[in-house]
Protein backbone atom coordinates (compact mmCIF):
# COMPACT_ATOMS: atom_id res chain seq x y z
CA MET A 1 325.04 -19.09 397.37
CA GLY A 2 326.98 -16.93 394.94
CA ASN A 3 329.06 -19.90 393.81
CA VAL A 4 325.92 -21.99 393.22
CA MET A 5 324.40 -19.28 391.05
CA LYS A 6 327.67 -18.99 389.11
CA ILE A 7 327.71 -22.73 388.49
CA ASP A 8 324.05 -22.63 387.37
CA GLU A 9 324.82 -19.83 384.93
CA GLN A 10 327.82 -21.73 383.60
CA TYR A 11 325.69 -24.83 383.14
CA VAL A 12 323.00 -22.89 381.26
CA ASP A 13 325.65 -21.44 378.95
CA TRP A 14 327.25 -24.85 378.47
CA ILE A 15 323.97 -26.66 377.72
CA ARG A 16 323.00 -23.94 375.23
CA GLU A 17 326.33 -24.35 373.46
CA LEU A 18 325.95 -28.12 373.54
CA LYS A 19 322.48 -27.97 371.98
CA ASN A 20 323.84 -25.82 369.17
CA LYS A 21 326.68 -28.30 368.60
CA ILE A 22 324.22 -31.19 368.46
CA ARG A 23 322.01 -29.37 365.94
CA SER A 24 325.05 -28.52 363.85
CA ALA A 25 326.31 -32.12 363.98
CA GLN A 26 322.88 -33.44 363.00
CA LEU A 27 322.66 -31.05 360.08
CA LYS A 28 326.17 -31.89 358.85
CA ALA A 29 325.31 -35.58 358.97
CA ALA A 30 322.03 -35.05 357.11
CA VAL A 31 323.75 -32.94 354.44
CA GLN A 32 326.44 -35.60 354.01
CA VAL A 33 323.80 -38.28 353.51
CA ASN A 34 321.97 -36.05 351.04
CA VAL A 35 325.18 -35.36 349.09
CA ALA A 36 326.02 -39.07 348.94
CA MET A 37 322.52 -39.96 347.78
CA LEU A 38 322.34 -37.26 345.10
CA ASN A 39 325.83 -38.05 343.81
CA PHE A 40 324.62 -41.63 343.45
CA TYR A 41 321.46 -40.39 341.68
CA TRP A 42 323.64 -38.35 339.31
CA GLU A 43 325.79 -41.37 338.42
CA LEU A 44 322.67 -43.51 338.07
CA GLY A 45 321.11 -40.93 335.74
CA ALA A 46 324.26 -40.97 333.60
CA ASP A 47 324.23 -44.78 333.50
CA ILE A 48 320.56 -44.89 332.51
CA VAL A 49 321.09 -42.48 329.63
CA LYS A 50 324.16 -44.39 328.43
CA LYS A 51 322.48 -47.79 328.69
CA GLN A 52 319.41 -46.57 326.84
CA GLU A 53 321.61 -45.47 323.96
CA THR A 54 323.48 -48.78 323.73
CA SER A 55 321.05 -51.44 324.97
CA LEU A 56 318.21 -53.19 323.17
CA TRP A 57 315.66 -52.13 325.79
CA GLY A 58 315.60 -48.39 325.14
CA GLU A 59 312.85 -46.76 327.16
CA LYS A 60 311.86 -50.14 328.67
CA LEU A 61 315.18 -50.19 330.51
CA ILE A 62 313.75 -48.09 333.36
CA ASP A 63 310.83 -50.49 333.85
CA ARG A 64 313.16 -53.46 334.17
CA LEU A 65 315.68 -51.56 336.31
CA SER A 66 312.95 -50.47 338.71
CA ARG A 67 311.64 -54.02 339.10
CA ASP A 68 315.10 -55.47 339.73
CA LEU A 69 316.13 -52.81 342.24
CA MET A 70 312.78 -52.87 344.05
CA ASP A 71 313.08 -56.64 344.38
CA GLU A 72 316.46 -56.22 346.06
CA PHE A 73 315.57 -53.05 348.04
CA PRO A 74 311.77 -53.24 348.56
CA ASP A 75 311.69 -50.48 351.20
CA MET A 76 313.39 -47.84 349.05
CA LYS A 77 311.02 -45.46 347.26
CA GLY A 78 313.96 -44.02 345.34
CA PHE A 79 313.91 -46.93 342.92
CA SER A 80 310.31 -46.61 341.84
CA ARG A 81 309.75 -46.20 338.11
CA ARG A 82 308.55 -42.63 338.66
CA ASN A 83 311.64 -41.64 340.63
CA LEU A 84 314.01 -43.28 338.16
CA MET A 85 312.33 -41.21 335.43
CA TYR A 86 312.96 -38.08 337.51
CA ILE A 87 316.60 -39.09 338.05
CA GLN A 88 317.03 -39.40 334.29
CA LYS A 89 315.32 -36.07 333.69
CA TRP A 90 317.40 -34.36 336.40
CA TYR A 91 320.64 -35.62 334.89
CA LEU A 92 319.68 -34.61 331.35
CA PHE A 93 318.51 -31.17 332.48
CA TYR A 94 321.97 -30.15 333.73
CA SER A 95 324.31 -32.35 331.67
CA ARG A 96 323.39 -30.61 328.42
CA ASP A 97 325.28 -27.49 329.58
CA ALA A 98 328.89 -28.72 329.50
CA GLN A 99 330.30 -25.43 330.79
CA LEU A 100 328.02 -25.40 333.82
CA VAL A 101 327.65 -29.05 334.74
CA GLN A 102 330.66 -29.56 337.06
CA GLN A 103 329.86 -26.49 339.13
CA ALA A 104 326.16 -27.30 339.05
CA VAL A 105 326.60 -30.74 340.58
CA ALA A 106 328.48 -29.23 343.54
CA LEU A 107 325.41 -27.11 344.29
CA ILE A 108 322.43 -29.28 343.41
CA THR A 109 323.62 -32.06 345.71
CA GLN A 110 323.38 -29.66 348.69
CA ILE A 111 319.58 -29.37 348.65
CA PRO A 112 316.92 -32.06 349.23
CA TRP A 113 315.66 -34.15 346.34
CA GLY A 114 312.18 -32.61 346.54
CA HIS A 115 313.70 -29.14 346.08
CA ASN A 116 315.62 -30.38 343.05
CA LEU A 117 312.48 -31.74 341.43
CA ALA A 118 310.56 -28.51 342.05
CA ILE A 119 313.36 -26.54 340.37
CA ILE A 120 313.82 -28.63 337.22
CA ASN A 121 310.06 -28.96 336.71
CA LYS A 122 309.57 -25.19 336.73
CA SER A 123 312.83 -23.70 335.38
CA ARG A 124 313.38 -22.98 331.70
CA SER A 125 317.17 -23.31 331.69
CA SER A 126 320.00 -24.73 333.78
CA LYS A 127 321.19 -21.18 334.49
CA GLU A 128 317.80 -20.27 335.91
CA ALA A 129 317.72 -23.50 337.90
CA ILE A 130 321.15 -22.87 339.44
CA PHE A 131 319.98 -19.39 340.41
CA TYR A 132 317.16 -20.92 342.47
CA VAL A 133 319.44 -23.59 343.95
CA GLN A 134 321.87 -20.93 345.11
CA LYS A 135 319.11 -18.73 346.52
CA THR A 136 317.68 -21.72 348.37
CA ILE A 137 321.03 -22.43 350.03
CA GLU A 138 321.69 -18.76 350.85
CA ASN A 139 318.25 -18.13 352.35
CA GLY A 140 317.35 -21.54 353.78
CA TRP A 141 314.10 -21.77 351.80
CA SER A 142 311.59 -24.52 352.36
CA ARG A 143 310.24 -26.18 349.22
CA ALA A 144 306.98 -24.18 349.51
CA VAL A 145 308.86 -20.86 349.66
CA LEU A 146 311.13 -21.94 346.80
CA THR A 147 308.12 -22.83 344.65
CA HIS A 148 306.53 -19.46 345.41
CA HIS A 149 309.61 -17.57 344.22
CA ILE A 150 309.85 -19.66 341.05
CA GLU A 151 306.19 -19.05 340.25
CA LYS A 152 306.69 -15.32 340.87
CA ASN A 153 309.64 -15.48 338.43
CA LEU A 154 312.25 -14.09 340.81
CA PHE A 155 314.94 -15.03 338.29
CA LYS A 156 313.57 -12.56 335.75
CA GLY A 157 313.98 -9.69 338.18
CA GLN A 158 317.26 -10.68 339.84
CA GLY A 159 318.83 -13.37 337.66
CA LYS A 160 322.32 -12.87 336.28
CA ALA A 161 325.30 -14.95 335.23
CA LEU A 162 326.46 -16.74 338.38
CA THR A 163 330.17 -16.91 339.12
CA ASN A 164 330.23 -17.59 342.88
CA PHE A 165 329.55 -21.25 343.53
CA LYS A 166 330.56 -21.27 347.18
CA VAL A 167 328.64 -23.92 349.11
CA THR A 168 327.71 -23.13 352.70
CA LEU A 169 325.89 -25.13 355.35
CA PRO A 170 322.36 -23.77 355.94
CA SER A 171 321.51 -22.34 359.33
CA PRO A 172 320.29 -25.09 361.72
CA GLN A 173 317.21 -22.93 362.39
CA SER A 174 316.26 -22.53 358.73
CA ASP A 175 313.36 -24.25 356.98
CA LEU A 176 315.85 -25.82 354.57
CA ALA A 177 317.77 -27.39 357.47
CA ARG A 178 314.59 -28.80 358.98
CA GLN A 179 313.52 -30.30 355.66
CA THR A 180 316.97 -31.76 355.06
CA LEU A 181 316.93 -33.39 358.50
CA LYS A 182 313.46 -34.85 357.88
CA ASP A 183 313.80 -35.68 354.19
CA PRO A 184 312.21 -39.14 353.76
CA TYR A 185 314.53 -39.92 350.84
CA ASN A 186 317.55 -39.60 353.14
CA PHE A 187 316.04 -42.08 355.60
CA ASP A 188 315.03 -44.26 352.67
CA PHE A 189 318.60 -44.24 351.37
CA LEU A 190 320.01 -45.44 354.73
CA THR A 191 317.64 -48.38 355.12
CA LEU A 192 319.24 -51.46 356.69
CA ARG A 193 318.55 -54.79 355.06
CA GLU A 194 315.17 -56.20 356.10
CA LYS A 195 316.62 -59.15 358.05
CA HIS A 196 319.28 -57.18 359.89
CA ASP A 197 320.50 -58.74 363.15
CA GLU A 198 321.54 -57.13 366.44
CA ARG A 199 325.18 -56.83 365.36
CA ASP A 200 324.17 -54.98 362.14
CA LEU A 201 322.16 -52.49 364.17
CA GLU A 202 324.94 -52.11 366.73
CA ASP A 203 327.58 -51.53 364.05
CA ALA A 204 325.41 -48.91 362.34
CA LEU A 205 324.78 -47.08 365.62
CA MET A 206 328.46 -47.28 366.57
CA THR A 207 329.54 -45.74 363.27
CA HIS A 208 327.20 -42.77 363.67
CA MET A 209 327.95 -42.38 367.40
CA THR A 210 331.70 -42.17 366.72
CA LYS A 211 331.15 -39.38 364.18
CA PHE A 212 328.77 -37.68 366.59
CA LEU A 213 331.30 -37.66 369.45
CA ILE A 214 333.96 -36.21 367.15
CA GLU A 215 331.56 -33.39 366.24
CA LEU A 216 330.95 -32.61 369.94
CA GLY A 217 334.66 -32.13 370.55
CA SER A 218 336.40 -32.28 373.91
CA GLY A 219 334.58 -33.19 377.12
CA PHE A 220 333.18 -36.54 375.96
CA SER A 221 334.75 -39.98 376.07
CA PHE A 222 333.68 -43.35 374.73
CA ILE A 223 333.62 -46.09 377.39
CA GLY A 224 332.89 -49.16 375.30
CA ARG A 225 330.38 -51.36 373.50
CA GLN A 226 328.63 -54.28 375.19
CA TYR A 227 329.41 -52.50 378.49
CA ARG A 228 328.37 -54.33 381.69
CA ILE A 229 326.36 -52.53 384.36
CA ASN A 230 325.16 -53.53 387.82
CA ILE A 231 321.41 -53.48 388.46
CA GLY A 232 320.11 -54.69 391.81
CA GLY A 233 323.39 -56.40 392.55
CA LYS A 234 323.31 -58.33 389.26
CA SER A 235 325.80 -57.83 386.46
CA MET A 236 324.06 -57.35 383.13
CA ARG A 237 325.13 -56.45 379.62
CA SER A 238 324.05 -52.92 378.74
CA ILE A 239 320.99 -52.88 376.51
CA CYS A 240 322.66 -49.98 374.69
CA CYS A 241 325.46 -50.69 372.28
CA PHE A 242 327.37 -47.63 373.42
CA THR A 243 327.97 -45.62 376.57
CA MET A 244 329.33 -42.14 376.85
CA CYS A 245 330.12 -39.83 379.72
CA ALA A 246 330.69 -36.10 380.02
CA TYR A 247 333.21 -34.51 382.35
CA ILE A 248 332.24 -30.98 383.33
CA VAL A 249 334.86 -28.80 384.96
CA MET A 250 333.56 -25.57 386.45
CA SER A 251 335.31 -23.13 388.66
CA SER A 252 333.60 -22.46 391.96
């Protein structure tokens, strides 16, 4: 009886640790997607500004760009005319401060796009904006809480020249983490092509599953894709594109 209770306690501890690892892995993946998307937005903003200065279209460039990209990627809201205008505004807002821009990009790509828009729409300077970006990362603010602090002018009371640009992963329990995980722009950015086939879906799942298993660490092994299983005496191809198993070693 004592050994059974010990095993139960060990399992409870293990499953708690595993849940935390899963949440951490999910958050790291979501942040990586967000960083990739916002780095792309930054480059796109720079390209738009440059093309407007050198092309014959000027301001009409965004209209044409939106139509062409939406035709190719109809499910992606990020290429709407309105969002392309925001991307341009976001780039211009920070790029004007040459001394701050490199450090700024390292920070602003760590928070969701909606947070970024709230900050540039309400901040008077890039220094003030970076203050709110840093506070958001440090405190795990949701967009609503962030907006409240901006409207209450927290920068005026606490703002100072920022020298520490250390980027840290938000707590998995924070509002910022939850919004990053559920950010529709991140899902939008990862959209598969409309006519994807089974192999496309399998390859996409396999890529993410491999990264996920690495995050979990030891104790998990990959068996194989298109793995055959026996059901009712019949051999069938697994309906899942991956199979994994866990080996649990507990002392009795």
